[in-house]
Amino acid sequence: MSQNKSQAVIIQNPRVTWEGCSVLLDINDGDRLVFARLSAASTLKIGNKNFSLQPLIGCPFGSSFQIEIGDKGPFLSRFVASIEGNNAQEKEDFESQEISKDNRALVDNNKAQSLTGEDIDAMRRQGATGDEIVDALIKNSATFEKKTLFSQEKYKLKKQKKYAPKVLLRRPVARSICEAYFKKYPARIGFLRVDTLSLLLSMANVSANSDVLVVDMVGGLLTGAVAERLGGTGYVCGTYLGGTPYPMDIVRIFNFSDEVCNRIVRAALTELSLTPTVTLEQIHQQENELNMECLSNPQMSSSVSIEEISPSEKEISVPVPENVVSLVNKMGKSTKAGNKASQQAIELWKENGFSSLIIAAPELDIWSLLQDIWPLLSNSAPFAIYHQYLQPLATCMHNLQLGKMAIGLQISEPWLREYQVLPSRTHPCMQMNAFGGYILSGTKICSS
């Protein structure tokens, strides 16, 4: 009984944060995104002040936090947003439709606000909260009542982001991680958009108990997404050319359990090859060619690590200190994923083949790579290949058709449109990404 109790204590609730776990902090509704590892010493910088992340430990994912003033200074406090206020606001929207207002008579000359910066600093010294400062700014604005309801909401939201910032505690999953990196560092994940990532998993038929062969040169995002969908069943085998594995630092952000991490393995292509005729000189030659490509493209060669991400265009030009968030937690390190595959598993894969193949290698020649990997795939197994450009996939598709090596070949171009959903203001977003790369998919057949 005592052993069962101790095992139950070790198992973490995936819906609640714990010390040492990775989290995604959403500040002011997506204006700034921060990856952090929770610990008693970790801090988050908002404005010109550092806030401890210890109050976030033990809280469920999806919780919201705001800045409050305590005896020891400002700190992050959890709060629950009121639903009644939203309903009342919607009623005001409908009532205000009958009132004809416009902003033609408003002049932006910085004279409408009677509250000065010194008054705001005095309120802060007296312990006023951010919401109280926002209310004071609204009361002392000479033009607030003359604005339309939509303009009033924009004004209030702008002041809340400055004086009463909100922090949303998000769980780092494949979607949230991909969206965060795509907004600020798209080159580090090969410009892989979230809808393209989901199509890769679906076209490759990644499901429970599958053995998926992955060529991941997008920082480990693809490997983590496959492992997340497998859920501790089957295996994810990441293969690589040469003797140095490709970096997969993003996998550490997923908070995988030991069971899932043990299912993520690595094996060199020479170890998986059915006919190991590659010499040591050829391996070194491949490594040198890959290193030269990485040096010619410094954005792709930079390794992906847990760091601060700020997708806001206004913050891109501002230099961010490296030690903004304490990311290293010596007390609770994540389990290392990507150990070397066992010889027994390699022999089993050589005999039966892999059930799926996914390739995301923007720096390699796709057709040359596929020729080496093709014998490792079992017959009737689906495959999906991602590339930022169309021509490499078109060449690969043409060669597969000539060799009668696969059926159901198609090249897909993902398309995604984001919508703003608000009362009386539902429309496509004004700025969105129009390009998501290309995917070559098909099914391997037994060719004579």
Protein backbone atom coordinates (compact mmCIF):
# COMPACT_ATOMS: atom_id res chain seq x y z
CA MET A 1 0.00 0.00 0.00
CA SER A 2 2.80 2.39 0.85
CA GLN A 3 4.47 1.81 -2.52
CA ASN A 4 1.22 2.54 -4.36
CA LYS A 5 0.79 5.77 -2.39
CA SER A 6 4.32 6.89 -3.21
CA GLN A 7 3.77 6.18 -6.91
CA ALA A 8 0.54 8.18 -6.86
CA VAL A 9 2.37 11.16 -5.39
CA ILE A 10 5.02 11.09 -8.12
CA ILE A 11 2.44 11.19 -10.94
CA GLN A 12 1.77 14.81 -11.86
CA ASN A 13 -1.63 16.17 -12.78
CA PRO A 14 -1.23 17.37 -16.39
CA ARG A 15 -3.88 20.07 -15.86
CA VAL A 16 -2.01 21.72 -12.98
CA THR A 17 1.47 23.27 -13.01
CA TRP A 18 4.26 21.96 -10.83
CA GLU A 19 7.75 23.09 -9.94
CA GLY A 20 10.09 22.48 -12.85
CA CYS A 21 7.45 22.34 -15.59
CA SER A 22 7.53 24.49 -18.71
CA VAL A 23 4.74 26.99 -19.32
CA LEU A 24 3.76 29.52 -21.96
CA LEU A 25 2.90 32.91 -20.50
CA ASP A 26 0.54 34.99 -22.65
CA ILE A 27 0.82 38.66 -21.66
CA ASN A 28 -1.93 41.08 -22.70
CA ASP A 29 -3.78 38.71 -25.01
CA GLY A 30 -0.91 37.71 -27.28
CA ASP A 31 1.06 40.96 -27.30
CA ARG A 32 3.98 39.14 -25.70
CA LEU A 33 4.62 35.40 -25.32
CA VAL A 34 7.19 33.99 -22.90
CA PHE A 35 8.37 30.42 -22.41
CA ALA A 36 9.46 29.84 -18.81
CA ARG A 37 10.31 27.01 -16.46
CA LEU A 38 8.56 27.43 -13.12
CA SER A 39 10.63 27.49 -9.96
CA ALA A 40 10.80 29.49 -6.77
CA ALA A 41 13.62 31.63 -8.18
CA SER A 42 12.24 32.21 -11.70
CA THR A 43 11.04 35.72 -12.53
CA LEU A 44 9.15 37.48 -15.30
CA LYS A 45 9.83 41.06 -16.35
CA ILE A 46 6.76 43.20 -17.06
CA GLY A 47 7.56 46.81 -17.79
CA ASN A 48 10.54 47.74 -15.65
CA LYS A 49 9.86 45.35 -12.76
CA ASN A 50 10.52 41.68 -12.15
CA PHE A 51 7.76 39.47 -10.77
CA SER A 52 8.25 36.10 -9.14
CA LEU A 53 6.62 33.12 -10.86
CA GLN A 54 6.19 31.19 -7.62
CA PRO A 55 2.43 32.08 -7.38
CA LEU A 56 1.92 30.21 -10.66
CA ILE A 57 3.07 26.88 -9.20
CA GLY A 58 0.11 24.63 -8.42
CA CYS A 59 -2.39 26.61 -10.50
CA PRO A 60 -4.37 24.99 -13.33
CA PHE A 61 -3.49 25.83 -16.90
CA GLY A 62 -5.75 28.54 -18.27
CA SER A 63 -5.57 30.65 -15.11
CA SER A 64 -5.30 34.42 -15.39
CA PHE A 65 -3.11 36.64 -13.25
CA GLN A 66 -2.92 40.37 -12.67
CA ILE A 67 -0.55 42.67 -10.81
CA GLU A 68 -1.52 43.61 -7.27
CA ILE A 69 0.25 45.66 -4.61
CA GLY A 70 1.18 43.84 -1.39
CA ASP A 71 3.27 44.46 1.70
CA LYS A 72 6.42 43.34 -0.11
CA GLY A 73 5.62 45.21 -3.31
CA PRO A 74 3.80 44.24 -6.51
CA PHE A 75 3.14 40.55 -7.20
CA LEU A 76 1.14 38.35 -9.57
CA SER A 77 -2.25 37.40 -8.17
CA ARG A 78 -4.73 34.97 -9.68
CA PHE A 79 -8.18 36.30 -10.57
CA VAL A 80 -11.33 35.00 -12.23
CA ALA A 81 -12.86 37.10 -14.99
CA SER A 82 -16.51 37.95 -14.36
CA ILE A 83 -19.04 36.69 -16.90
CA GLU A 84 -21.73 39.15 -15.90
CA GLY A 85 -19.61 42.07 -17.07
CA ASN A 86 -19.36 40.57 -20.56
CA ASN A 87 -23.12 40.10 -20.77
CA ALA A 88 -23.71 43.67 -19.64
CA GLN A 89 -21.22 44.88 -22.22
CA GLU A 90 -23.05 42.99 -24.97
CA LYS A 91 -26.31 44.64 -23.90
CA GLU A 92 -24.67 48.03 -24.17
CA ASP A 93 -23.50 47.12 -27.68
CA PHE A 94 -27.06 46.55 -28.84
CA GLU A 95 -28.39 49.61 -27.04
CA SER A 96 -25.71 51.84 -28.51
CA GLN A 97 -26.63 50.91 -32.07
CA GLU A 98 -29.55 53.37 -31.89
CA ILE A 99 -27.29 56.24 -30.84
CA SER A 100 -25.54 57.95 -33.74
CA LYS A 101 -21.97 58.81 -32.75
CA ASP A 102 -18.81 59.42 -34.66
CA ASN A 103 -15.27 60.65 -33.99
CA ARG A 104 -15.19 63.46 -36.53
CA ALA A 105 -15.10 66.22 -33.91
CA LEU A 106 -12.26 64.66 -31.91
CA VAL A 107 -8.80 66.19 -32.24
CA ASP A 108 -5.75 64.33 -30.96
CA ASN A 109 -3.77 67.20 -29.44
CA ASN A 110 -2.85 65.56 -26.09
CA LYS A 111 -5.00 68.06 -24.20
CA ALA A 112 -8.00 65.84 -23.50
CA GLN A 113 -6.37 64.08 -20.49
CA SER A 114 -6.15 66.18 -17.35
CA LEU A 115 -4.40 63.46 -15.31
CA THR A 116 -0.62 63.93 -15.50
CA GLY A 117 2.17 61.42 -15.12
CA GLU A 118 3.01 62.79 -11.70
CA ASP A 119 -0.57 62.15 -10.57
CA ILE A 120 -0.34 58.56 -11.77
CA ASP A 121 2.96 58.03 -9.93
CA ALA A 122 1.37 59.45 -6.78
CA MET A 123 -1.52 57.00 -7.11
CA ARG A 124 0.92 54.12 -7.45
CA ARG A 125 2.80 55.19 -4.32
CA GLN A 126 -0.50 55.24 -2.46
CA GLY A 127 -1.12 51.62 -3.49
CA ALA A 128 -3.66 52.11 -6.28
CA THR A 129 -4.21 49.09 -8.51
CA GLY A 130 -3.98 49.14 -12.27
CA ASP A 131 -7.76 49.00 -12.69
CA GLU A 132 -8.16 52.02 -10.42
CA ILE A 133 -5.64 53.97 -12.51
CA VAL A 134 -7.52 53.05 -15.69
CA ASP A 135 -10.82 54.22 -14.16
CA ALA A 136 -9.18 57.50 -13.14
CA LEU A 137 -7.86 58.02 -16.67
CA ILE A 138 -11.34 57.47 -18.08
CA LYS A 139 -12.96 59.89 -15.64
CA ASN A 140 -10.39 62.59 -16.36
CA SER A 141 -10.65 62.24 -20.14
CA ALA A 142 -12.62 65.07 -21.72
CA THR A 143 -13.34 63.17 -24.95
CA PHE A 144 -14.10 59.66 -23.66
CA GLU A 145 -17.88 60.15 -23.53
CA LYS A 146 -17.90 61.66 -27.02
CA LYS A 147 -16.29 58.60 -28.59
CA THR A 148 -18.19 55.71 -30.10
CA LEU A 149 -18.54 52.55 -28.07
CA PHE A 150 -15.94 50.76 -30.18
CA SER A 151 -13.48 53.62 -29.67
CA GLN A 152 -14.14 53.56 -25.94
CA GLU A 153 -13.34 49.85 -25.81
CA LYS A 154 -10.11 50.38 -27.73
CA TYR A 155 -9.12 53.22 -25.41
CA LYS A 156 -9.86 51.16 -22.30
CA LEU A 157 -8.02 48.11 -23.64
CA LYS A 158 -4.98 50.22 -24.52
CA LYS A 159 -4.80 51.67 -21.01
CA GLN A 160 -5.33 48.25 -19.40
CA LYS A 161 -2.39 46.80 -21.30
CA LYS A 162 -0.17 49.60 -20.01
CA TYR A 163 -1.30 50.01 -16.41
CA ALA A 164 -3.08 46.71 -15.62
CA PRO A 165 -1.40 43.95 -17.67
CA LYS A 166 -2.89 40.47 -17.54
CA VAL A 167 -0.94 37.19 -17.71
CA LEU A 168 -2.57 34.02 -19.02
CA LEU A 169 -1.02 30.68 -18.04
CA ARG A 170 -1.09 28.46 -21.15
CA ARG A 171 -0.11 24.83 -21.51
CA PRO A 172 2.78 24.28 -23.98
CA VAL A 173 1.33 21.89 -26.55
CA ALA A 174 2.11 21.43 -30.23
CA ARG A 175 -0.33 24.13 -31.32
CA SER A 176 0.67 26.82 -28.84
CA ILE A 177 4.40 26.19 -29.29
CA CYS A 178 4.13 26.25 -33.09
CA GLU A 179 2.09 29.46 -33.06
CA ALA A 180 4.51 31.17 -30.68
CA TYR A 181 7.61 30.33 -32.70
CA PHE A 182 5.92 31.08 -36.01
CA LYS A 183 5.04 34.61 -34.90
CA LYS A 184 8.59 35.66 -34.00
CA TYR A 185 11.12 33.04 -35.12
CA PRO A 186 9.58 31.27 -38.16
CA ALA A 187 12.99 30.41 -39.67
CA ARG A 188 13.88 28.29 -36.64
CA ILE A 189 10.97 25.93 -37.36
CA GLY A 190 11.35 26.04 -41.14
CA PHE A 191 8.35 28.39 -41.54
CA LEU A 192 6.11 25.51 -40.43
CA ARG A 193 2.64 26.89 -39.70
CA VAL A 194 0.27 25.23 -37.24
CA ASP A 195 -2.25 24.09 -39.89
CA THR A 196 0.60 22.65 -41.96
CA LEU A 197 1.83 20.74 -38.91
CA SER A 198 -1.62 19.26 -38.33
CA LEU A 199 -1.88 18.23 -41.98
CA LEU A 200 1.50 16.49 -41.76
CA LEU A 201 0.29 14.38 -38.84
CA SER A 202 -3.00 13.54 -40.54
CA MET A 203 -1.54 12.72 -43.97
CA ALA A 204 1.08 10.47 -42.36
CA ASN A 205 -1.69 8.69 -40.40
CA VAL A 206 0.05 9.17 -37.05
CA SER A 207 -2.05 7.15 -34.59
CA ALA A 208 -1.64 5.01 -31.50
CA ASN A 209 0.93 2.19 -31.61
CA SER A 210 2.53 3.55 -34.79
CA ASP A 211 6.25 3.44 -35.49
CA VAL A 212 6.96 6.78 -37.12
CA LEU A 213 10.24 7.60 -38.84
CA VAL A 214 10.95 11.33 -38.65
CA VAL A 215 13.59 13.53 -40.26
CA ASP A 216 13.24 16.60 -38.08
CA MET A 217 15.34 19.64 -38.91
CA VAL A 218 12.88 22.14 -37.42
CA GLY A 219 14.23 22.17 -33.87
CA GLY A 220 12.27 19.16 -32.57
CA LEU A 221 8.80 20.63 -33.10
CA LEU A 222 7.79 17.82 -35.45
CA THR A 223 9.16 15.13 -33.14
CA GLY A 224 7.30 16.57 -30.16
CA ALA A 225 4.03 16.85 -32.11
CA VAL A 226 4.24 13.20 -33.20
CA ALA A 227 5.07 12.03 -29.67
CA GLU A 228 2.18 14.08 -28.29
CA ARG A 229 -0.27 12.40 -30.66
CA LEU A 230 1.08 8.91 -29.94
CA GLY A 231 0.54 9.47 -26.22
CA GLY A 232 3.15 7.02 -24.96
CA THR A 233 2.39 4.25 -27.48
CA GLY A 234 4.50 3.26 -30.46
CA TYR A 235 7.84 4.91 -31.20
CA VAL A 236 9.16 8.11 -32.77
CA CYS A 237 12.53 7.44 -34.38
CA GLY A 238 14.43 10.51 -35.51
CA THR A 239 17.05 9.70 -38.11
CA TYR A 240 19.87 11.89 -39.34
CA LEU A 241 22.72 11.98 -41.83
CA GLY A 242 26.28 11.76 -40.57
CA GLY A 243 27.27 11.25 -36.96
CA THR A 244 25.66 14.28 -35.28
CA PRO A 245 21.91 14.20 -34.47
CA TYR A 246 19.79 17.19 -35.37
CA PRO A 247 18.88 19.45 -32.41
CA MET A 248 15.49 18.82 -30.79
CA ASP A 249 15.45 21.36 -27.96
CA ILE A 250 11.76 22.20 -28.42
CA VAL A 251 10.84 18.72 -27.18
CA ARG A 252 11.85 19.82 -23.66
CA ILE A 253 9.02 22.36 -23.59
CA PHE A 254 6.26 19.74 -23.98
CA ASN A 255 6.44 18.48 -20.35
CA PHE A 256 6.46 14.87 -21.52
CA SER A 257 6.38 12.12 -18.92
CA ASP A 258 9.12 9.51 -18.64
CA GLU A 259 6.93 7.04 -20.51
CA VAL A 260 6.57 9.34 -23.51
CA CYS A 261 10.25 10.39 -23.46
CA ASN A 262 11.33 6.76 -23.59
CA ARG A 263 9.34 6.42 -26.82
CA ILE A 264 11.40 9.14 -28.52
CA VAL A 265 14.61 7.61 -29.88
CA ARG A 266 17.31 8.45 -32.40
CA ALA A 267 19.24 6.38 -34.88
CA ALA A 268 21.64 7.34 -37.63
CA LEU A 269 20.59 6.54 -41.18
CA THR A 270 23.63 4.30 -41.56
CA GLU A 271 22.44 2.19 -38.61
CA LEU A 272 18.94 1.79 -40.05
CA SER A 273 20.10 1.15 -43.61
CA LEU A 274 19.42 -2.33 -44.93
CA THR A 275 22.63 -2.24 -47.03
CA PRO A 276 25.25 -0.35 -45.00
CA THR A 277 27.61 0.51 -47.86
CA VAL A 278 28.31 4.06 -46.75
CA THR A 279 31.95 4.56 -45.88
CA LEU A 280 33.37 6.76 -43.16
CA GLU A 281 34.70 9.21 -45.73
CA GLN A 282 31.21 9.66 -47.21
CA ILE A 283 29.79 10.35 -43.75
CA HIS A 284 32.37 13.09 -43.12
CA GLN A 285 31.68 14.51 -46.58
CA GLN A 286 27.93 14.71 -45.83
CA GLU A 287 28.65 16.41 -42.51
CA ASN A 288 30.91 18.99 -44.17
CA GLU A 289 28.31 19.76 -46.85
CA LEU A 290 25.60 20.20 -44.18
CA ASN A 291 27.84 22.46 -42.11
CA MET A 292 28.55 24.64 -45.14
CA GLU A 293 24.80 24.98 -45.81
CA CYS A 294 24.18 25.95 -42.19
CA LEU A 295 26.94 28.56 -42.28
CA SER A 296 25.49 30.07 -45.43
CA ASN A 297 22.09 30.40 -43.69
CA PRO A 298 22.66 31.57 -40.11
CA GLN A 299 18.94 31.80 -39.33
CA MET A 300 18.44 28.10 -39.94
CA SER A 301 21.61 27.05 -38.15
CA SER A 302 20.69 28.72 -34.88
CA SER A 303 19.51 26.20 -32.33
CA VAL A 304 16.08 26.53 -30.80
CA SER A 305 15.98 26.97 -27.05
CA ILE A 306 13.47 27.93 -24.40
CA GLU A 307 13.54 31.70 -24.50
CA GLU A 308 11.39 34.76 -24.54
CA ILE A 309 9.20 35.23 -27.58
CA SER A 310 7.65 38.60 -28.33
CA PRO A 311 5.49 38.55 -31.47
CA SER A 312 4.45 42.17 -31.11
CA GLU A 313 5.98 44.27 -33.88
CA LYS A 314 6.61 47.11 -31.47
CA GLU A 315 8.80 44.90 -29.29
CA ILE A 316 10.83 43.37 -32.09
CA SER A 317 13.21 46.32 -32.32
CA VAL A 318 13.64 46.56 -28.55
CA PRO A 319 16.61 44.53 -27.24
CA VAL A 320 15.45 41.99 -24.67
CA PRO A 321 17.77 41.05 -21.82
CA GLU A 322 18.88 37.45 -21.86
CA ASN A 323 18.11 36.95 -18.18
CA VAL A 324 14.55 38.23 -18.34
CA VAL A 325 13.17 34.83 -17.36
CA SER A 326 15.02 32.34 -15.23
CA LEU A 327 14.72 29.19 -17.27
CA VAL A 328 17.04 26.78 -15.54
CA ASN A 329 15.63 24.81 -12.65
CA LYS A 330 18.23 22.55 -11.12
CA MET A 331 15.73 20.97 -8.74
CA GLY A 332 13.35 19.75 -11.47
CA LYS A 333 14.94 19.10 -14.84
CA SER A 334 12.90 17.66 -17.69
CA THR A 335 13.51 14.06 -18.64
CA LYS A 336 15.86 13.90 -21.57
CA ALA A 337 14.24 12.57 -24.73
CA GLY A 338 15.97 11.28 -27.83
CA ASN A 339 18.14 8.46 -26.50
CA LYS A 340 19.81 6.10 -28.93
CA ALA A 341 17.53 3.36 -30.23
CA SER A 342 18.23 -0.13 -28.98
CA GLN A 343 19.72 -2.68 -31.33
CA GLN A 344 16.68 -4.92 -30.86
CA ALA A 345 14.34 -2.15 -32.04
CA ILE A 346 16.57 -1.35 -35.00
CA GLU A 347 16.58 -4.99 -36.12
CA LEU A 348 12.78 -5.10 -35.77
CA TRP A 349 12.39 -1.99 -37.91
CA LYS A 350 14.75 -3.41 -40.52
CA GLU A 351 12.58 -6.51 -40.74
CA ASN A 352 9.08 -4.98 -40.63
CA GLY A 353 9.68 -1.37 -41.64
CA PHE A 354 8.15 1.81 -40.26
CA SER A 355 4.42 2.44 -40.43
CA SER A 356 4.75 6.17 -41.31
CA LEU A 357 7.31 8.64 -42.59
CA ILE A 358 7.43 12.41 -42.04
CA ILE A 359 10.20 14.63 -43.40
CA ALA A 360 10.77 18.29 -42.59
CA ALA A 361 14.31 19.01 -43.75
CA PRO A 362 14.53 22.37 -45.51
CA GLU A 363 18.33 22.20 -45.72
CA LEU A 364 18.64 18.83 -47.48
CA ASP A 365 17.96 17.56 -50.97
CA ILE A 366 14.60 15.83 -50.59
CA TRP A 367 14.93 13.31 -53.41
CA SER A 368 18.41 12.14 -52.39
CA LEU A 369 17.25 11.79 -48.78
CA LEU A 370 14.08 9.91 -49.78
CA GLN A 371 16.06 7.42 -51.86
CA ASP A 372 18.07 6.45 -48.78
CA ILE A 373 15.05 6.27 -46.48
CA TRP A 374 12.60 4.60 -48.86
CA PRO A 375 13.64 0.96 -48.12
CA LEU A 376 12.98 1.54 -44.41
CA LEU A 377 9.29 2.23 -45.02
CA SER A 378 6.90 -0.72 -45.04
CA ASN A 379 4.61 -1.33 -48.00
CA SER A 380 1.25 0.50 -47.96
CA ALA A 381 2.68 2.97 -45.44
CA PRO A 382 1.75 6.64 -45.82
CA PHE A 383 4.33 9.40 -45.97
CA ALA A 384 4.27 13.20 -45.82
CA ILE A 385 7.09 15.55 -46.79
CA TYR A 386 7.13 19.26 -45.95
CA HIS A 387 9.15 21.92 -47.70
CA GLN A 388 8.99 25.67 -47.81
CA TYR A 389 9.30 25.71 -51.62
CA LEU A 390 7.42 23.84 -54.33
CA GLN A 391 10.18 22.79 -56.74
CA PRO A 392 11.95 20.20 -54.51
CA LEU A 393 8.64 18.45 -53.89
CA ALA A 394 7.67 18.58 -57.57
CA THR A 395 10.97 16.92 -58.53
CA CYS A 396 10.48 14.26 -55.87
CA MET A 397 6.90 13.58 -57.00
CA HIS A 398 7.98 13.26 -60.64
CA ASN A 399 10.67 10.71 -59.77
CA LEU A 400 8.26 8.69 -57.64
CA GLN A 401 5.80 8.57 -60.52
CA LEU A 402 8.47 7.47 -63.01
CA GLY A 403 9.65 4.72 -60.69
CA LYS A 404 6.10 3.61 -59.83
CA MET A 405 7.10 3.71 -56.18
CA ALA A 406 3.95 5.26 -54.68
CA ILE A 407 0.28 5.93 -55.34
CA GLY A 408 -2.05 8.71 -54.29
CA LEU A 409 0.64 11.30 -54.82
CA GLN A 410 -0.45 14.89 -54.32
CA ILE A 411 1.10 18.21 -53.42
CA SER A 412 -1.02 20.30 -51.07
CA GLU A 413 -0.71 23.97 -50.26
CA PRO A 414 -2.27 24.70 -46.85
CA TRP A 415 -4.39 27.82 -46.55
CA LEU A 416 -5.45 29.42 -43.29
CA ARG A 417 -7.57 32.50 -42.57
CA GLU A 418 -7.94 33.90 -39.07
CA TYR A 419 -11.09 35.69 -38.00
CA GLN A 420 -11.75 38.27 -35.35
CA VAL A 421 -14.91 37.27 -33.49
CA LEU A 422 -16.45 40.16 -31.54
CA PRO A 423 -20.00 41.53 -31.21
CA SER A 424 -20.86 43.37 -34.45
CA ARG A 425 -17.19 43.18 -35.50
CA THR A 426 -16.67 39.66 -36.85
CA HIS A 427 -14.43 39.78 -39.90
CA PRO A 428 -11.10 38.36 -41.17
CA CYS A 429 -8.06 39.70 -39.40
CA MET A 430 -6.47 42.72 -41.01
CA GLN A 431 -3.02 41.10 -41.04
CA MET A 432 -2.41 37.41 -41.57
CA ASN A 433 0.12 35.03 -43.08
CA ALA A 434 -0.63 34.01 -46.65
CA PHE A 435 1.94 31.24 -47.08
CA GLY A 436 2.26 27.91 -45.27
CA GLY A 437 4.64 25.89 -47.42
CA TYR A 438 3.83 22.71 -49.37
CA ILE A 439 3.24 19.05 -48.46
CA LEU A 440 3.91 16.02 -50.66
CA SER A 441 1.91 13.00 -49.52
CA GLY A 442 1.26 9.50 -50.81
CA THR A 443 1.35 5.79 -50.06
CA LYS A 444 4.27 3.47 -50.74
CA ILE A 445 3.66 0.43 -52.92
CA CYS A 446 5.67 -2.68 -53.60
CA SER A 447 7.37 -2.06 -56.91
CA SER A 448 9.14 -4.75 -58.91
